[in-house]
Amino acid sequence: MTSSNGLVQVVIQTIGTLHDDALALAADTLFFDLGGKLRNPHSDPAMRYRTGLDPAVREHVLTTPGANDEINRIMGQTTALLNGYADRRGKLVRVTVACRGGRHRSVAIAEQAAEYLRAEGVGVEVEHRHIHLPVVEKQ
């Protein structure tokens, strides 16, 4: 989604740190690792094969103690970096939100942060890099 002036100002990507290419994807970005910080839907067999785009999984993640703190941290640092540019035109802030598999926590948190940023008029795109991969069984 673009901002009211038509510009994408923030790209948020989600990754799973257990995937081989994960750290290379996070280069030159604000990096937020949720691994071990929030309740993991992977632990619930009813949610394991769903993603953070699923309403039940998203609610599970967003109602976890500390989820709002993580969203606020992402928004605060992203907004500070955006506002730090004297001329915001042409400047793109890249953000990576990570969890172990890249399917549950990172996806739900990134989508919520993007929703809040859009409500403030910030143009945001979200890319889920590992959501389509098979569930990582080792957590």
Protein backbone atom coordinates (compact mmCIF):
# COMPACT_ATOMS: atom_id res chain seq x y z
CA MET A 1 0.00 0.00 0.00
CA THR A 2 1.24 3.48 -0.77
CA SER A 3 0.98 6.64 1.30
CA SER A 4 -1.43 9.48 0.61
CA ASN A 5 1.23 10.97 -1.69
CA GLY A 6 1.55 7.68 -3.56
CA LEU A 7 4.96 6.68 -2.20
CA VAL A 8 5.96 3.44 -0.54
CA GLN A 9 8.09 4.55 2.39
CA VAL A 10 8.48 1.31 4.34
CA VAL A 11 8.98 -2.29 3.26
CA ILE A 12 8.50 -4.84 6.01
CA GLN A 13 9.64 -8.37 5.31
CA THR A 14 9.16 -11.41 7.47
CA ILE A 15 11.64 -14.26 7.66
CA GLY A 16 12.24 -17.48 9.55
CA THR A 17 15.68 -17.61 11.14
CA LEU A 18 15.81 -21.41 10.77
CA HIS A 19 15.90 -21.09 6.96
CA ASP A 20 19.31 -21.06 5.29
CA ASP A 21 18.92 -17.72 3.49
CA ALA A 22 17.40 -15.82 6.43
CA LEU A 23 20.32 -13.72 7.59
CA ALA A 24 21.28 -12.70 4.06
CA LEU A 25 17.73 -11.40 3.57
CA ALA A 26 18.04 -9.25 6.70
CA ALA A 27 21.11 -7.29 5.61
CA ASP A 28 20.74 -3.50 5.70
CA THR A 29 17.40 -3.53 7.51
CA LEU A 30 16.04 -2.68 10.93
CA PHE A 31 15.95 -6.16 12.45
CA PHE A 32 13.48 -7.43 15.05
CA ASP A 33 13.76 -11.07 16.19
CA LEU A 34 10.65 -12.43 17.92
CA GLY A 35 12.10 -15.89 18.45
CA GLY A 36 11.58 -16.89 22.06
CA LYS A 37 9.71 -13.68 22.91
CA LEU A 38 6.08 -14.52 22.20
CA ARG A 39 3.83 -17.54 22.53
CA ASN A 40 4.53 -19.73 19.48
CA PRO A 41 1.49 -21.02 17.54
CA HIS A 42 3.74 -23.79 16.24
CA SER A 43 3.33 -25.46 19.64
CA ASP A 44 -0.42 -25.85 19.06
CA PRO A 45 -1.16 -28.66 16.56
CA ALA A 46 -4.37 -26.87 15.52
CA MET A 47 -2.33 -23.81 14.43
CA ARG A 48 0.99 -25.34 13.37
CA TYR A 49 0.19 -25.55 9.65
CA ARG A 50 -1.64 -22.23 9.45
CA THR A 51 0.04 -18.84 9.13
CA GLY A 52 -0.08 -15.46 10.81
CA LEU A 53 -2.54 -14.35 8.12
CA ASP A 54 -5.12 -16.73 9.61
CA PRO A 55 -7.40 -14.80 12.02
CA ALA A 56 -7.09 -17.40 14.81
CA VAL A 57 -3.30 -17.45 14.61
CA ARG A 58 -3.11 -13.68 14.40
CA GLU A 59 -5.31 -13.31 17.50
CA HIS A 60 -3.21 -15.92 19.33
CA VAL A 61 -0.03 -13.95 18.60
CA LEU A 62 -1.45 -10.47 19.19
CA THR A 63 -2.95 -11.40 22.57
CA THR A 64 0.35 -12.79 23.80
CA PRO A 65 1.89 -10.72 26.61
CA GLY A 66 4.57 -8.53 25.08
CA ALA A 67 3.10 -8.47 21.55
CA ASN A 68 2.06 -4.81 21.79
CA ASP A 69 5.51 -3.92 23.12
CA GLU A 70 7.11 -5.52 20.06
CA ILE A 71 4.72 -3.75 17.68
CA ASN A 72 5.39 -0.42 19.40
CA ARG A 73 9.14 -1.01 19.20
CA ILE A 74 8.92 -1.72 15.46
CA MET A 75 6.71 1.30 14.86
CA GLY A 76 8.82 3.60 17.02
CA GLN A 77 12.14 2.76 15.40
CA THR A 78 10.65 2.78 11.89
CA THR A 79 8.96 6.13 12.44
CA ALA A 80 12.11 7.61 13.99
CA LEU A 81 14.15 6.54 10.99
CA LEU A 82 11.53 7.89 8.57
CA ASN A 83 11.38 11.20 10.41
CA GLY A 84 15.18 11.38 10.49
CA TYR A 85 15.29 11.94 6.75
CA ALA A 86 15.28 15.65 5.93
CA ASP A 87 13.75 14.84 2.55
CA ARG A 88 11.50 11.77 2.83
CA ARG A 89 10.97 11.51 -0.94
CA GLY A 90 12.89 8.61 -2.37
CA LYS A 91 13.91 7.28 1.03
CA LEU A 92 12.88 3.74 1.83
CA VAL A 93 13.03 2.18 5.27
CA ARG A 94 13.51 -1.59 5.19
CA VAL A 95 12.40 -3.60 8.20
CA THR A 96 12.82 -7.31 8.90
CA VAL A 97 10.65 -9.10 11.45
CA ALA A 98 11.87 -12.59 12.24
CA CYS A 99 10.70 -15.63 14.13
CA ARG A 100 11.92 -19.22 13.94
CA GLY A 101 9.90 -20.48 10.95
CA GLY A 102 8.67 -17.23 9.41
CA ARG A 103 5.04 -18.35 9.30
CA HIS A 104 3.31 -17.31 12.53
CA ARG A 105 4.64 -14.67 14.93
CA SER A 106 6.63 -12.56 12.48
CA VAL A 107 3.74 -12.51 9.99
CA ALA A 108 1.09 -11.48 12.53
CA ILE A 109 3.27 -8.80 14.14
CA ALA A 110 4.44 -7.38 10.79
CA GLU A 111 0.88 -7.17 9.47
CA GLN A 112 -0.28 -5.37 12.61
CA ALA A 113 2.64 -2.92 12.56
CA ALA A 114 1.94 -2.22 8.88
CA GLU A 115 -1.73 -1.62 9.62
CA TYR A 116 -0.85 0.93 12.31
CA LEU A 117 1.72 2.68 10.10
CA ARG A 118 -0.79 2.93 7.25
CA ALA A 119 -3.30 4.50 9.64
CA GLU A 120 -0.69 7.23 10.21
CA GLY A 121 -0.39 7.85 6.46
CA VAL A 122 2.82 5.89 5.90
CA GLY A 123 3.06 3.91 2.67
CA VAL A 124 3.88 0.30 3.59
CA GLU A 125 4.42 -2.93 1.68
CA VAL A 126 4.74 -6.28 3.44
CA GLU A 127 6.61 -9.26 1.99
CA HIS A 128 6.51 -12.68 3.67
CA ARG A 129 9.69 -14.45 2.53
CA HIS A 130 9.20 -17.88 4.14
CA ILE A 131 5.44 -18.16 4.67
CA HIS A 132 5.09 -20.49 1.67
CA LEU A 133 7.78 -22.94 2.81
CA PRO A 134 6.99 -26.16 4.66
CA VAL A 135 6.62 -25.88 8.42
CA VAL A 136 9.96 -26.16 10.18
CA GLU A 137 9.49 -29.03 12.61
CA LYS A 138 12.48 -28.13 14.81
CA GLN A 139 11.70 -25.09 16.89
